[in-house]
Protein backbone atom coordinates (compact mmCIF):
# COMPACT_ATOMS: atom_id res chain seq x y z
CA UNK A 1 -116.41 -41.42 80.06
CA UNK A 2 -117.89 -44.44 81.76
CA UNK A 3 -120.30 -44.68 84.66
CA UNK A 4 -120.45 -48.37 85.48
CA UNK A 5 -121.02 -50.03 82.12
CA UNK A 6 -122.67 -46.95 80.55
CA UNK A 7 -120.49 -45.11 78.01
CA UNK A 8 -120.70 -41.35 77.41
CA UNK A 9 -118.97 -40.00 74.29
CA UNK A 10 -118.07 -36.55 73.06
CA UNK A 11 -116.78 -36.53 69.48
CA UNK A 12 -115.37 -33.75 67.35
CA UNK A 13 -112.44 -32.25 65.50
CA UNK A 14 -109.30 -30.48 66.64
CA UNK A 15 -109.10 -26.73 66.17
CA UNK A 16 -106.25 -25.94 63.76
CA UNK A 17 -104.72 -22.56 62.94
CA UNK A 18 -104.80 -22.15 59.14
CA UNK A 19 -103.54 -18.54 58.91
CA UNK A 20 -102.33 -15.77 61.20
CA UNK A 21 -105.89 -14.98 62.30
CA UNK A 22 -108.02 -17.90 61.14
CA UNK A 23 -108.86 -21.28 62.68
CA UNK A 24 -110.81 -24.30 61.41
CA UNK A 25 -112.47 -27.07 63.36
CA UNK A 26 -112.99 -27.37 67.07
CA UNK A 27 -116.63 -28.44 66.92
CA UNK A 28 -117.99 -31.33 68.97
CA UNK A 29 -121.19 -33.23 69.66
CA UNK A 30 -122.43 -35.28 72.58
CA UNK A 31 -123.81 -38.77 72.03
CA UNK A 32 -127.34 -39.61 73.20
CA UNK A 33 -126.17 -40.90 76.60
CA UNK A 34 -124.38 -37.60 77.28
CA UNK A 35 -127.39 -35.61 76.08
CA UNK A 36 -129.55 -37.44 78.62
CA UNK A 37 -126.98 -37.41 81.45
CA UNK A 38 -126.86 -35.04 84.39
CA UNK A 39 -125.75 -31.52 83.47
CA UNK A 40 -122.52 -31.68 85.49
CA UNK A 41 -121.23 -34.52 83.25
CA UNK A 42 -121.70 -32.43 80.10
CA UNK A 43 -120.23 -29.32 81.73
CA UNK A 44 -117.10 -31.21 82.79
CA UNK A 45 -116.66 -32.86 79.37
CA UNK A 46 -117.07 -29.53 77.58
CA UNK A 47 -114.52 -27.91 79.91
CA UNK A 48 -111.96 -30.62 79.12
CA UNK A 49 -112.70 -30.35 75.39
CA UNK A 50 -112.22 -26.59 75.43
CA UNK A 51 -108.89 -26.90 77.25
CA UNK A 52 -107.53 -29.46 74.76
CA UNK A 53 -109.16 -28.76 71.38
CA UNK A 54 -106.41 -26.64 69.80
CA UNK A 55 -103.84 -28.70 67.89
CA UNK A 56 -100.32 -27.31 68.35
CA UNK A 57 -97.17 -28.27 66.51
CA UNK A 58 -93.64 -27.27 67.44
CA UNK A 59 -91.50 -26.01 64.62
């Protein structure tokens, strides 16, 4: 995310189903700019991450 020329980054891994009941991954971290940003920025980024973190493949 950008606000003017300031970049905010959230980085992590996709959540992948490895067995019928088990998943791996899905963790994320905020960069320093995000950590120091207003709370609503982090809340919105985390909401988007949660909605899109699971990797799905069609068979």
